[in-house]
């Protein structure tokens, strides 16, 4: 069973979202997603300043097994990216919820967080996906 922290929100495309409490959110991929991908070898990061629409592809994560698109869980502006992943993409495997984050976004509508999946709802999806 994958690690699914209760303090995060999730998407059915396996991104997690952390409300930073400062008007921004941090986005990464779930433990379940990194397990399914296998050893991550490359992460295509979005450009800081880019405006995203909810559901829009904003990057790619590649592993030894597959490449997978990253999707914006909510609309907003990219305010930071995890540049450490350029030199150490395996960090996504080693620490998907802490050091392996992908981007920070300033949401256009913070209420959109309420529309995302909670840990229990995501667990049900991850279990059927396994």
C-alpha atoms as a PDB file:
ATOM      1  CA  UNK A   1       0.000   0.000   0.000  1.00  0.00           C
ATOM      2  CA  UNK A   2       1.323   3.404  -0.947  1.00  0.00           C
ATOM      3  CA  UNK A   3       1.966   6.201   1.494  1.00  0.00           C
ATOM      4  CA  UNK A   4      -0.951   8.683   1.238  1.00  0.00           C
ATOM      5  CA  UNK A   5      -0.542  11.594   3.685  1.00  0.00           C
ATOM      6  CA  UNK A   6      -3.867  12.871   5.040  1.00  0.00           C
ATOM      7  CA  UNK A   7      -2.791  16.551   4.967  1.00  0.00           C
ATOM      8  CA  UNK A   8      -2.530  16.661   1.158  1.00  0.00           C
ATOM      9  CA  UNK A   9      -5.044  16.882  -1.683  1.00  0.00           C
ATOM     10  CA  UNK A  10      -4.807  14.655  -4.753  1.00  0.00           C
ATOM     11  CA  UNK A  11      -5.835  14.288  -8.386  1.00  0.00           C
ATOM     12  CA  UNK A  12      -6.936  11.163 -10.204  1.00  0.00           C
ATOM     13  CA  UNK A  13      -3.839  11.630 -12.409  1.00  0.00           C
ATOM     14  CA  UNK A  14      -1.671  11.038  -9.287  1.00  0.00           C
ATOM     15  CA  UNK A  15      -0.458  14.526  -8.430  1.00  0.00           C
ATOM     16  CA  UNK A  16      -0.455  15.685  -4.796  1.00  0.00           C
ATOM     17  CA  UNK A  17      -1.059  19.255  -3.650  1.00  0.00           C
ATOM     18  CA  UNK A  18       0.059  20.850  -0.392  1.00  0.00           C
ATOM     19  CA  UNK A  19      -1.504  24.129   0.747  1.00  0.00           C
ATOM     20  CA  UNK A  20       1.526  26.110   1.947  1.00  0.00           C
ATOM     21  CA  UNK A  21      -0.689  28.525   3.873  1.00  0.00           C
ATOM     22  CA  UNK A  22       0.861  31.549   2.139  1.00  0.00           C
ATOM     23  CA  UNK A  23      -1.308  31.736  -0.977  1.00  0.00           C
ATOM     24  CA  UNK A  24       0.760  29.093  -2.803  1.00  0.00           C
ATOM     25  CA  UNK A  25       0.565  25.327  -3.200  1.00  0.00           C
ATOM     26  CA  UNK A  26       3.292  22.762  -3.787  1.00  0.00           C
ATOM     27  CA  UNK A  27       2.716  20.038  -6.392  1.00  0.00           C
ATOM     28  CA  UNK A  28       4.406  16.682  -6.858  1.00  0.00           C
ATOM     29  CA  UNK A  29       3.585  13.124  -7.830  1.00  0.00           C
ATOM     30  CA  UNK A  30       2.320  10.585  -5.337  1.00  0.00           C
ATOM     31  CA  UNK A  31       4.198   7.670  -3.836  1.00  0.00           C
ATOM     32  CA  UNK A  32       1.864   5.402  -5.820  1.00  0.00           C
ATOM     33  CA  UNK A  33       2.811   7.172  -9.078  1.00  0.00           C
ATOM     34  CA  UNK A  34       6.558   7.010  -8.479  1.00  0.00           C
ATOM     35  CA  UNK A  35       6.261   3.300  -7.605  1.00  0.00           C
ATOM     36  CA  UNK A  36       4.359   2.640 -10.841  1.00  0.00           C
ATOM     37  CA  UNK A  37       6.894   4.609 -12.905  1.00  0.00           C
ATOM     38  CA  UNK A  38       9.961   2.927 -11.448  1.00  0.00           C
ATOM     39  CA  UNK A  39      13.342   4.659 -11.430  1.00  0.00           C
ATOM     40  CA  UNK A  40      12.849   8.290 -12.466  1.00  0.00           C
ATOM     41  CA  UNK A  41      15.605   9.455 -14.842  1.00  0.00           C
ATOM     42  CA  UNK A  42      14.342  12.873 -16.020  1.00  0.00           C
ATOM     43  CA  UNK A  43      11.849  15.555 -14.996  1.00  0.00           C
ATOM     44  CA  UNK A  44      10.835  18.285 -17.451  1.00  0.00           C
ATOM     45  CA  UNK A  45      10.071  21.276 -15.263  1.00  0.00           C
ATOM     46  CA  UNK A  46       7.699  24.087 -16.271  1.00  0.00           C
ATOM     47  CA  UNK A  47       8.866  27.682 -16.656  1.00  0.00           C
ATOM     48  CA  UNK A  48       8.478  30.005 -13.676  1.00  0.00           C
ATOM     49  CA  UNK A  49       5.859  32.636 -14.514  1.00  0.00           C
ATOM     50  CA  UNK A  50       3.838  30.302 -16.727  1.00  0.00           C
ATOM     51  CA  UNK A  51       0.064  30.541 -16.301  1.00  0.00           C
ATOM     52  CA  UNK A  52      -1.662  27.171 -16.082  1.00  0.00           C
ATOM     53  CA  UNK A  53      -5.242  26.106 -16.637  1.00  0.00           C
ATOM     54  CA  UNK A  54      -6.610  23.305 -14.466  1.00  0.00           C
ATOM     55  CA  UNK A  55      -5.937  19.985 -16.177  1.00  0.00           C
ATOM     56  CA  UNK A  56      -3.280  21.422 -18.488  1.00  0.00           C
ATOM     57  CA  UNK A  57      -0.089  19.436 -19.075  1.00  0.00           C
ATOM     58  CA  UNK A  58       2.795  21.323 -17.456  1.00  0.00           C
ATOM     59  CA  UNK A  59       5.700  18.889 -17.608  1.00  0.00           C
ATOM     60  CA  UNK A  60       6.855  15.348 -18.153  1.00  0.00           C
ATOM     61  CA  UNK A  61       8.395  12.798 -15.853  1.00  0.00           C
ATOM     62  CA  UNK A  62      10.409   9.977 -17.415  1.00  0.00           C
ATOM     63  CA  UNK A  63      11.485   6.714 -15.892  1.00  0.00           C
ATOM     64  CA  UNK A  64      13.304   3.650 -17.141  1.00  0.00           C
ATOM     65  CA  UNK A  65       9.848   2.188 -17.914  1.00  0.00           C
ATOM     66  CA  UNK A  66       7.745   5.073 -19.267  1.00  0.00           C
ATOM     67  CA  UNK A  67       7.171   8.783 -19.726  1.00  0.00           C
ATOM     68  CA  UNK A  68       4.182  10.376 -18.034  1.00  0.00           C
ATOM     69  CA  UNK A  69       2.673  13.827 -18.415  1.00  0.00           C
ATOM     70  CA  UNK A  70       2.193  16.038 -15.377  1.00  0.00           C
ATOM     71  CA  UNK A  71      -1.162  17.810 -15.134  1.00  0.00           C
ATOM     72  CA  UNK A  72      -1.985  21.034 -13.309  1.00  0.00           C
ATOM     73  CA  UNK A  73      -4.425  20.217 -10.505  1.00  0.00           C
ATOM     74  CA  UNK A  74      -5.684  23.806 -10.515  1.00  0.00           C
ATOM     75  CA  UNK A  75      -5.287  27.034 -12.476  1.00  0.00           C
ATOM     76  CA  UNK A  76      -2.586  29.471 -11.446  1.00  0.00           C
ATOM     77  CA  UNK A  77       0.915  30.815 -11.971  1.00  0.00           C
ATOM     78  CA  UNK A  78       4.106  28.795 -11.522  1.00  0.00           C
ATOM     79  CA  UNK A  79       6.111  30.692  -8.877  1.00  0.00           C
ATOM     80  CA  UNK A  80       8.928  28.166  -8.294  1.00  0.00           C
ATOM     81  CA  UNK A  81      10.250  24.862  -9.611  1.00  0.00           C
ATOM     82  CA  UNK A  82      12.443  22.274  -7.932  1.00  0.00           C
ATOM     83  CA  UNK A  83      15.651  22.804  -9.906  1.00  0.00           C
ATOM     84  CA  UNK A  84      17.400  20.121  -7.826  1.00  0.00           C
ATOM     85  CA  UNK A  85      15.474  17.550  -9.891  1.00  0.00           C
ATOM     86  CA  UNK A  86      17.477  18.516 -12.994  1.00  0.00           C
ATOM     87  CA  UNK A  87      20.602  16.949 -11.453  1.00  0.00           C
ATOM     88  CA  UNK A  88      18.896  14.396  -9.208  1.00  0.00           C
ATOM     89  CA  UNK A  89      15.559  13.245 -10.733  1.00  0.00           C
ATOM     90  CA  UNK A  90      15.690  10.113  -8.560  1.00  0.00           C
ATOM     91  CA  UNK A  91      14.728  12.367  -5.644  1.00  0.00           C
ATOM     92  CA  UNK A  92      11.127  11.884  -6.821  1.00  0.00           C
ATOM     93  CA  UNK A  93      11.507   8.173  -5.965  1.00  0.00           C
ATOM     94  CA  UNK A  94      13.377   8.723  -2.727  1.00  0.00           C
ATOM     95  CA  UNK A  95      11.204  11.494  -1.252  1.00  0.00           C
ATOM     96  CA  UNK A  96       8.032  12.074  -3.315  1.00  0.00           C
ATOM     97  CA  UNK A  97       6.304  14.204  -0.660  1.00  0.00           C
ATOM     98  CA  UNK A  98       9.218  16.275   0.602  1.00  0.00           C
ATOM     99  CA  UNK A  99      12.395  16.769  -1.431  1.00  0.00           C
ATOM    100  CA  UNK A 100      10.853  15.437  -4.669  1.00  0.00           C
ATOM    101  CA  UNK A 101       8.284  18.216  -5.144  1.00  0.00           C
ATOM    102  CA  UNK A 102       8.004  19.544  -8.704  1.00  0.00           C
ATOM    103  CA  UNK A 103       6.486  23.045  -8.692  1.00  0.00           C
ATOM    104  CA  UNK A 104       4.934  25.734  -6.523  1.00  0.00           C
ATOM    105  CA  UNK A 105       1.868  27.500  -7.887  1.00  0.00           C
ATOM    106  CA  UNK A 106      -0.102  30.573  -6.865  1.00  0.00           C
ATOM    107  CA  UNK A 107      -3.675  29.400  -7.539  1.00  0.00           C
ATOM    108  CA  UNK A 108      -6.084  31.676  -9.393  1.00  0.00           C
ATOM    109  CA  UNK A 109      -8.826  30.443  -7.055  1.00  0.00           C
ATOM    110  CA  UNK A 110      -7.774  28.956  -3.711  1.00  0.00           C
ATOM    111  CA  UNK A 111     -11.260  27.475  -3.270  1.00  0.00           C
ATOM    112  CA  UNK A 112     -10.369  25.050  -6.090  1.00  0.00           C
ATOM    113  CA  UNK A 113      -8.369  23.091  -3.501  1.00  0.00           C
ATOM    114  CA  UNK A 114     -11.676  21.973  -1.996  1.00  0.00           C
ATOM    115  CA  UNK A 115     -12.581  20.302  -5.295  1.00  0.00           C
ATOM    116  CA  UNK A 116      -9.554  17.994  -5.199  1.00  0.00           C
ATOM    117  CA  UNK A 117      -9.523  14.499  -3.731  1.00  0.00           C
ATOM    118  CA  UNK A 118      -8.827  13.913  -0.051  1.00  0.00           C
ATOM    119  CA  UNK A 119      -6.577  11.046   1.069  1.00  0.00           C
ATOM    120  CA  UNK A 120      -9.431   8.520   1.391  1.00  0.00           C
ATOM    121  CA  UNK A 121     -10.805   9.274  -2.072  1.00  0.00           C
ATOM    122  CA  UNK A 122      -7.324   9.076  -3.592  1.00  0.00           C
ATOM    123  CA  UNK A 123      -6.614   5.794  -1.763  1.00  0.00           C
ATOM    124  CA  UNK A 124      -9.680   4.266  -3.432  1.00  0.00           C
ATOM    125  CA  UNK A 125      -8.355   5.312  -6.852  1.00  0.00           C
ATOM    126  CA  UNK A 126      -4.802   4.169  -6.121  1.00  0.00           C
ATOM    127  CA  UNK A 127      -6.083   0.781  -4.943  1.00  0.00           C
ATOM    128  CA  UNK A 128      -8.056   0.194  -8.144  1.00  0.00           C
ATOM    129  CA  UNK A 129      -5.094   1.408 -10.197  1.00  0.00           C
ATOM    130  CA  UNK A 130      -2.670  -1.073  -8.688  1.00  0.00           C
END
